[in-house]
């Protein structure tokens, strides 16, 4: 009976882990389990990387709040993340994955995301943890400490209890969702989508193509795009090196203006609207990088950025694909779980602009989505 779960009958009880020896002990115990719940608390305001404040780990018996400030040897935790005999349970995992990758160079494997699984059970794509706990366990979670400085010390008892609750209820939620999921045909699809999130995170940052994420890159000619490519590559590398959010290096719209106008003097940078601090710190570098392009052969300039929305077929095709997807979606799965607008656009790009490259398949043509994706390709 759900009501008899110890997690529902008791408030979270936890241990604060502050030494290498304590961490080794709790990780060894966790590796004896088939599944453990994980969460992280972090801060990110001006930095490129998240600043880790706390790691929560619950193995069904021991709930540990791991203080990263006091621990030097994280190898036992890294081994737990890598142990393929222990499923790591998270909810809405994308930012947690970034934390694990940055701090430990190890992603959780295998990983089960309860938000991903809930989408296959009719809850929509971005259902919150508290909503699932309320649905399955009729329990309201106190979110009063959600906005807190997790880098501050000491953490209050209220903050620690809040952090502990995230994994205290996550593990029984996983068991409940897994039981319900077992009655559907979507178990392997959930596994694929969880694995896909991890694989996506594993891909290295492509500094060479950072310019493609700059808004209005499509408005530039090839020479201007070459300047933007050089500038965006430098900005991303500078942000990583200095651990500073990219727009705190140089604002995106200012980078675009430099690429477009090819200024020759710092006074021109100020006249174009760049911030005084940007010009003072990076002005000469921006001019130097922009000037490099004149020494690059034109044949090495990047191709023009093609916007899918500018294709005359786009609007009609998107509407047709969305309707077709609704028609072919099975009654036990929402169409948006199969594909949202971005995935449909990815399919159109692959079909129209990428010569249907078999080595670069869109998500809609992979694994369990393939039968649906093929029907959509046939429509295109």
Protein backbone atom coordinates (compact mmCIF):
# COMPACT_ATOMS: atom_id res chain seq x y z
CA UNK A 1 0.00 0.00 0.00
CA UNK A 2 1.26 3.47 -0.91
CA UNK A 3 0.15 4.90 2.43
CA UNK A 4 2.47 2.49 4.22
CA UNK A 5 5.62 3.80 2.54
CA UNK A 6 8.05 4.94 5.22
CA UNK A 7 8.78 8.10 3.25
CA UNK A 8 5.12 9.12 3.59
CA UNK A 9 4.94 8.27 7.26
CA UNK A 10 8.11 10.11 8.27
CA UNK A 11 9.84 13.39 7.56
CA UNK A 12 13.19 13.07 5.78
CA UNK A 13 16.03 12.03 8.08
CA UNK A 14 19.48 12.73 6.71
CA UNK A 15 23.21 12.86 7.41
CA UNK A 16 25.45 15.73 6.39
CA UNK A 17 28.52 14.31 4.62
CA UNK A 18 31.59 16.45 5.18
CA UNK A 19 34.63 14.14 4.98
CA UNK A 20 36.23 11.85 2.41
CA UNK A 21 35.70 8.88 4.72
CA UNK A 22 31.99 9.59 5.15
CA UNK A 23 31.54 9.96 1.40
CA UNK A 24 33.32 6.68 0.68
CA UNK A 25 31.06 4.89 3.17
CA UNK A 26 27.74 6.21 1.85
CA UNK A 27 28.75 5.63 -1.78
CA UNK A 28 29.78 2.04 -1.01
CA UNK A 29 26.37 1.42 0.57
CA UNK A 30 24.63 3.05 -2.38
CA UNK A 31 26.46 0.76 -4.81
CA UNK A 32 24.78 -2.20 -3.11
CA UNK A 33 21.37 -0.93 -4.31
CA UNK A 34 19.73 -1.32 -7.70
CA UNK A 35 18.60 2.32 -7.80
CA UNK A 36 19.44 5.56 -5.98
CA UNK A 37 17.88 9.01 -6.10
CA UNK A 38 20.14 11.96 -6.93
CA UNK A 39 19.74 15.72 -7.01
CA UNK A 40 21.98 18.77 -6.88
CA UNK A 41 21.64 22.30 -5.59
CA UNK A 42 23.68 24.97 -7.32
CA UNK A 43 23.86 28.66 -8.15
CA UNK A 44 24.47 30.26 -11.52
CA UNK A 45 24.11 33.99 -12.10
CA UNK A 46 27.10 35.45 -13.97
CA UNK A 47 29.17 32.29 -14.37
CA UNK A 48 29.43 30.00 -17.38
CA UNK A 49 29.42 26.87 -15.23
CA UNK A 50 27.05 26.13 -12.35
CA UNK A 51 28.48 26.55 -8.84
CA UNK A 52 27.75 23.38 -6.89
CA UNK A 53 26.38 23.86 -3.40
CA UNK A 54 25.05 20.44 -2.38
CA UNK A 55 24.53 16.89 -3.65
CA UNK A 56 21.59 14.83 -2.38
CA UNK A 57 21.81 11.03 -2.44
CA UNK A 58 19.17 8.58 -1.17
CA UNK A 59 19.52 4.81 -1.52
CA UNK A 60 16.30 3.78 0.25
CA UNK A 61 18.02 3.50 3.61
CA UNK A 62 20.53 6.32 3.88
CA UNK A 63 19.83 9.91 2.86
CA UNK A 64 23.07 11.85 2.50
CA UNK A 65 23.54 15.57 1.93
CA UNK A 66 27.04 15.85 0.52
CA UNK A 67 28.85 19.13 1.10
CA UNK A 68 31.29 19.58 -1.81
CA UNK A 69 33.18 22.33 0.03
CA UNK A 70 34.59 19.95 2.62
CA UNK A 71 35.46 16.95 0.44
CA UNK A 72 38.65 16.47 -1.54
CA UNK A 73 38.33 12.90 -2.88
CA UNK A 74 35.19 12.43 -4.94
CA UNK A 75 36.33 9.21 -6.60
CA UNK A 76 33.80 7.06 -4.66
CA UNK A 77 30.96 9.27 -5.96
CA UNK A 78 32.35 9.14 -9.51
CA UNK A 79 32.39 5.33 -9.29
CA UNK A 80 28.75 5.39 -8.20
CA UNK A 81 27.81 7.61 -11.15
CA UNK A 82 29.57 5.20 -13.52
CA UNK A 83 28.26 1.95 -11.96
CA UNK A 84 25.98 0.45 -14.60
CA UNK A 85 24.40 -1.88 -12.04
CA UNK A 86 22.88 1.08 -10.17
CA UNK A 87 20.19 3.16 -11.86
CA UNK A 88 20.49 6.83 -10.99
CA UNK A 89 17.08 8.50 -10.57
CA UNK A 90 16.71 12.21 -11.28
CA UNK A 91 13.88 14.60 -12.11
CA UNK A 92 14.29 17.14 -14.92
CA UNK A 93 17.92 16.13 -15.18
CA UNK A 94 19.46 18.50 -17.74
CA UNK A 95 21.07 20.95 -15.29
CA UNK A 96 22.12 18.16 -12.92
CA UNK A 97 23.86 16.43 -15.84
CA UNK A 98 25.77 19.62 -16.55
CA UNK A 99 26.90 19.75 -12.90
CA UNK A 100 28.11 16.13 -12.97
CA UNK A 101 29.90 16.64 -16.25
CA UNK A 102 31.67 19.81 -15.16
CA UNK A 103 32.68 18.77 -11.63
CA UNK A 104 33.28 15.06 -12.04
CA UNK A 105 33.69 14.48 -15.78
CA UNK A 106 31.24 11.59 -15.35
CA UNK A 107 27.57 11.40 -16.22
CA UNK A 108 25.16 9.04 -14.41
CA UNK A 109 24.81 5.73 -16.21
CA UNK A 110 22.21 4.35 -16.41
CA UNK A 111 19.92 7.29 -15.71
CA UNK A 112 16.13 7.41 -15.26
CA UNK A 113 14.38 10.79 -15.40
CA UNK A 114 10.96 10.77 -13.75
CA UNK A 115 9.92 13.84 -15.74
CA UNK A 116 10.67 12.03 -19.01
CA UNK A 117 8.78 8.94 -17.87
CA UNK A 118 5.81 11.01 -16.69
CA UNK A 119 5.41 12.43 -20.20
CA UNK A 120 4.68 8.90 -21.44
CA UNK A 121 2.01 8.58 -18.75
CA UNK A 122 0.02 11.61 -19.86
CA UNK A 123 1.48 14.35 -17.62
CA UNK A 124 2.87 16.57 -20.37
CA UNK A 125 6.48 17.38 -21.16
CA UNK A 126 7.54 19.50 -18.21
CA UNK A 127 5.57 18.30 -15.22
CA UNK A 128 7.08 19.42 -11.93
CA UNK A 129 8.29 17.15 -9.16
CA UNK A 130 5.83 18.56 -6.63
CA UNK A 131 2.91 17.94 -9.00
CA UNK A 132 3.85 14.28 -9.37
CA UNK A 133 4.24 13.82 -5.62
CA UNK A 134 0.82 15.38 -5.11
CA UNK A 135 -0.73 13.17 -7.80
CA UNK A 136 0.70 9.85 -6.64
CA UNK A 137 1.03 10.39 -2.90
CA UNK A 138 -1.52 13.18 -2.14
CA UNK A 139 1.30 15.08 -0.48
CA UNK A 140 2.13 18.78 -0.67
CA UNK A 141 5.87 19.52 -0.71
CA UNK A 142 7.07 22.72 0.92
CA UNK A 143 8.93 24.75 -1.73
CA UNK A 144 9.69 27.65 0.63
CA UNK A 145 13.47 27.25 0.36
CA UNK A 146 13.64 26.86 -3.43
CA UNK A 147 15.21 30.30 -3.83
CA UNK A 148 18.20 30.10 -1.55
CA UNK A 149 21.93 30.69 -1.68
CA UNK A 150 23.25 27.13 -1.72
CA UNK A 151 26.83 28.39 -1.55
CA UNK A 152 26.29 30.09 1.81
CA UNK A 153 27.43 28.35 4.98
CA UNK A 154 26.11 27.26 7.31
CA UNK A 155 22.92 26.04 5.61
CA UNK A 156 19.88 26.29 7.83
CA UNK A 157 17.90 23.28 9.03
CA UNK A 158 15.01 24.42 6.81
CA UNK A 159 17.29 24.52 3.76
CA UNK A 160 18.71 21.07 4.51
CA UNK A 161 15.23 19.58 5.01
CA UNK A 162 14.09 21.10 1.73
CA UNK A 163 17.08 19.63 -0.10
CA UNK A 164 16.59 16.23 1.55
CA UNK A 165 12.91 16.07 0.54
CA UNK A 166 13.83 16.19 -3.15
CA UNK A 167 15.40 12.71 -2.99
CA UNK A 168 13.42 11.33 -0.03
CA UNK A 169 10.27 11.35 -2.17
CA UNK A 170 12.01 10.86 -5.52
CA UNK A 171 12.90 7.22 -4.92
CA UNK A 172 9.35 6.06 -4.03
CA UNK A 173 8.07 8.17 -6.95
CA UNK A 174 10.41 6.25 -9.26
CA UNK A 175 9.09 2.91 -8.00
CA UNK A 176 5.49 4.08 -8.46
CA UNK A 177 6.09 5.42 -11.96
CA UNK A 178 8.00 2.31 -12.96
CA UNK A 179 5.07 0.13 -11.82
CA UNK A 180 2.60 2.16 -13.88
CA UNK A 181 4.98 2.30 -16.84
CA UNK A 182 5.30 -1.50 -16.80
CA UNK A 183 1.61 -1.68 -17.75
CA UNK A 184 2.30 0.28 -20.94
CA UNK A 185 4.38 -0.45 -24.03
CA UNK A 186 6.62 2.54 -23.54
CA UNK A 187 9.31 1.26 -21.15
CA UNK A 188 12.01 0.93 -23.79
CA UNK A 189 11.03 4.30 -25.26
CA UNK A 190 11.57 5.95 -21.87
CA UNK A 191 14.96 4.25 -21.57
CA UNK A 192 15.92 5.51 -25.02
CA UNK A 193 14.89 9.08 -24.23
CA UNK A 194 16.79 9.06 -20.93
CA UNK A 195 19.89 7.66 -22.63
CA UNK A 196 19.50 10.29 -25.36
CA UNK A 197 19.66 13.10 -22.77
CA UNK A 198 22.92 11.69 -21.40
CA UNK A 199 24.42 11.24 -24.88
CA UNK A 200 23.41 14.76 -25.84
CA UNK A 201 25.21 16.10 -22.75
CA UNK A 202 28.32 14.06 -23.59
CA UNK A 203 28.87 15.89 -26.85
CA UNK A 204 31.68 18.40 -26.58
CA UNK A 205 30.96 22.09 -27.05
CA UNK A 206 31.53 22.99 -30.67
CA UNK A 207 33.30 26.32 -30.51
CA UNK A 208 33.73 26.33 -34.30
CA UNK A 209 29.97 26.52 -34.79
CA UNK A 210 29.16 28.87 -31.92
CA UNK A 211 28.23 31.53 -34.49
CA UNK A 212 25.20 29.52 -35.59
CA UNK A 213 23.47 30.17 -32.28
CA UNK A 214 23.78 33.96 -32.64
CA UNK A 215 20.44 35.57 -33.39
CA UNK A 216 20.22 37.18 -36.85
CA UNK A 217 23.26 35.32 -38.18
CA UNK A 218 21.07 34.64 -41.22
CA UNK A 219 21.14 38.36 -42.06
CA UNK A 220 24.91 38.33 -42.74
CA UNK A 221 26.74 37.69 -46.01
CA UNK A 222 29.55 35.13 -46.15
CA UNK A 223 32.35 37.56 -45.28
CA UNK A 224 30.37 38.94 -42.33
CA UNK A 225 29.58 35.37 -41.24
CA UNK A 226 33.29 34.58 -41.28
CA UNK A 227 33.88 37.50 -38.91
CA UNK A 228 31.03 36.32 -36.70
CA UNK A 229 32.44 32.78 -36.68
CA UNK A 230 35.86 34.02 -35.53
CA UNK A 231 34.33 36.33 -32.93
CA UNK A 232 31.84 33.79 -31.55
CA UNK A 233 34.53 31.11 -31.26
CA UNK A 234 36.72 33.51 -29.28
CA UNK A 235 33.83 34.63 -27.04
CA UNK A 236 32.84 31.07 -26.11
CA UNK A 237 36.44 30.06 -25.39
CA UNK A 238 36.90 33.23 -23.30
CA UNK A 239 33.70 32.49 -21.37
CA UNK A 240 34.84 28.95 -20.59
CA UNK A 241 38.36 30.08 -19.63
CA UNK A 242 37.08 32.83 -17.33
CA UNK A 243 33.98 30.92 -16.15
CA UNK A 244 31.82 33.84 -17.17
CA UNK A 245 28.42 33.78 -18.89
CA UNK A 246 28.95 34.55 -22.59
CA UNK A 247 26.92 37.75 -22.54
CA UNK A 248 29.09 39.04 -19.71
CA UNK A 249 32.09 38.75 -22.05
CA UNK A 250 30.44 40.60 -24.94
CA UNK A 251 26.70 40.85 -25.54
CA UNK A 252 25.47 38.76 -28.45
CA UNK A 253 23.92 41.70 -30.30
CA UNK A 254 27.20 43.63 -29.98
CA UNK A 255 29.16 40.71 -31.40
CA UNK A 256 26.79 40.71 -34.38
CA UNK A 257 27.31 44.46 -34.91
CA UNK A 258 31.08 44.02 -35.03
CA UNK A 259 30.73 41.21 -37.56
CA UNK A 260 28.34 43.27 -39.67
CA UNK A 261 30.15 46.60 -39.67
CA UNK A 262 33.84 45.59 -39.49
CA UNK A 263 34.95 48.60 -37.42
CA UNK A 264 38.55 49.77 -37.52
CA UNK A 265 38.81 51.82 -34.32
CA UNK A 266 37.58 51.51 -30.75
CA UNK A 267 35.70 54.79 -31.17
CA UNK A 268 33.56 53.06 -33.78
CA UNK A 269 32.76 50.29 -31.30
CA UNK A 270 31.42 52.86 -28.85
CA UNK A 271 29.48 54.61 -31.59
CA UNK A 272 27.85 51.29 -32.55
CA UNK A 273 26.54 50.89 -29.02
CA UNK A 274 29.03 48.55 -27.35
CA UNK A 275 29.32 48.98 -23.60
CA UNK A 276 32.23 51.03 -22.28
CA UNK A 277 33.46 48.02 -20.28
CA UNK A 278 33.31 45.78 -23.35
CA UNK A 279 35.42 48.23 -25.34
CA UNK A 280 37.85 48.86 -22.49
CA UNK A 281 38.47 45.15 -21.81
CA UNK A 282 38.02 43.57 -25.24
CA UNK A 283 37.93 46.39 -27.79
CA UNK A 284 41.40 45.85 -29.25
CA UNK A 285 40.87 42.08 -29.35
CA UNK A 286 37.56 42.45 -31.19
CA UNK A 287 39.19 44.68 -33.81
CA UNK A 288 42.12 42.31 -34.15
CA UNK A 289 39.84 39.29 -34.65
CA UNK A 290 37.67 41.09 -37.18
CA UNK A 291 40.76 42.15 -39.10
CA UNK A 292 41.96 38.52 -39.33
CA UNK A 293 39.21 37.71 -41.81
CA UNK A 294 40.86 39.64 -44.64
CA UNK A 295 43.64 37.02 -44.55
CA UNK A 296 41.21 34.09 -44.89
CA UNK A 297 40.52 32.72 -48.37
CA UNK A 298 36.94 33.39 -49.51
CA UNK A 299 36.41 29.71 -50.30
CA UNK A 300 36.79 29.00 -46.57
CA UNK A 301 33.99 31.36 -45.58
CA UNK A 302 30.99 29.56 -44.08
CA UNK A 303 27.90 29.17 -46.26
CA UNK A 304 24.99 31.52 -45.78
CA UNK A 305 22.72 30.62 -42.91
CA UNK A 306 19.46 29.33 -44.35
CA UNK A 307 16.37 29.92 -42.25
CA UNK A 308 13.82 27.18 -42.53
CA UNK A 309 11.04 29.72 -41.98
CA UNK A 310 12.09 31.50 -45.21
CA UNK A 311 11.39 28.40 -47.30
CA UNK A 312 8.06 28.95 -49.11
CA UNK A 313 7.07 25.39 -48.24
CA UNK A 314 7.63 25.84 -44.50
CA UNK A 315 4.29 27.03 -43.09
CA UNK A 316 2.17 24.63 -45.07
CA UNK A 317 4.51 21.71 -44.40
CA UNK A 318 4.67 22.39 -40.65
CA UNK A 319 0.89 22.56 -40.39
CA UNK A 320 0.55 19.34 -42.40
CA UNK A 321 3.15 17.54 -40.27
CA UNK A 322 1.48 18.64 -37.04
CA UNK A 323 -1.89 17.38 -38.27
CA UNK A 324 -0.41 14.12 -39.55
CA UNK A 325 1.32 13.57 -36.23
CA UNK A 326 -2.00 13.96 -34.40
CA UNK A 327 -3.57 11.48 -36.80
CA UNK A 328 -0.91 8.78 -36.36
CA UNK A 329 -0.23 9.25 -32.64
CA UNK A 330 -1.46 6.19 -30.73
CA UNK A 331 -4.32 6.76 -28.28
CA UNK A 332 -2.07 6.06 -25.30
CA UNK A 333 0.58 8.66 -26.20
CA UNK A 334 0.33 12.41 -26.69
CA UNK A 335 1.59 13.63 -30.06
CA UNK A 336 3.93 16.18 -28.43
CA UNK A 337 5.83 13.34 -26.72
CA UNK A 338 6.68 11.94 -30.15
CA UNK A 339 7.71 15.31 -31.55
CA UNK A 340 7.39 18.99 -30.77
CA UNK A 341 7.80 21.82 -33.25
CA UNK A 342 11.60 21.75 -32.99
CA UNK A 343 11.79 18.04 -33.86
CA UNK A 344 9.47 18.57 -36.84
CA UNK A 345 11.70 21.42 -38.05
CA UNK A 346 14.75 19.20 -37.60
CA UNK A 347 13.08 16.62 -39.84
CA UNK A 348 12.30 19.24 -42.49
CA UNK A 349 15.87 20.53 -42.45
CA UNK A 350 17.21 17.00 -42.85
CA UNK A 351 14.82 16.29 -45.73
CA UNK A 352 15.17 19.59 -47.59
CA UNK A 353 18.59 21.03 -46.73
CA UNK A 354 20.85 18.19 -45.62
CA UNK A 355 20.39 15.82 -48.57
CA UNK A 356 18.81 13.27 -46.23
CA UNK A 357 22.22 12.43 -44.79
CA UNK A 358 22.00 8.87 -43.35
CA UNK A 359 24.91 9.64 -40.99
CA UNK A 360 23.08 12.54 -39.36
CA UNK A 361 19.57 11.29 -38.74
CA UNK A 362 17.07 13.55 -36.98
CA UNK A 363 15.62 12.33 -33.69
CA UNK A 364 12.32 11.49 -35.41
CA UNK A 365 14.05 8.79 -37.44
CA UNK A 366 15.76 7.14 -34.46
CA UNK A 367 14.68 4.14 -32.41
CA UNK A 368 11.01 4.05 -31.32
CA UNK A 369 10.12 7.27 -33.16
CA UNK A 370 11.21 5.93 -36.54
CA UNK A 371 7.84 4.51 -37.59
CA UNK A 372 6.22 7.87 -36.90
CA UNK A 373 9.06 9.82 -38.48
CA UNK A 374 8.97 7.74 -41.64
CA UNK A 375 5.28 8.46 -42.06
CA UNK A 376 6.05 12.16 -41.76
CA UNK A 377 8.91 11.93 -44.26
CA UNK A 378 6.54 10.26 -46.71
CA UNK A 379 4.21 13.25 -46.31
CA UNK A 380 7.07 15.65 -47.08
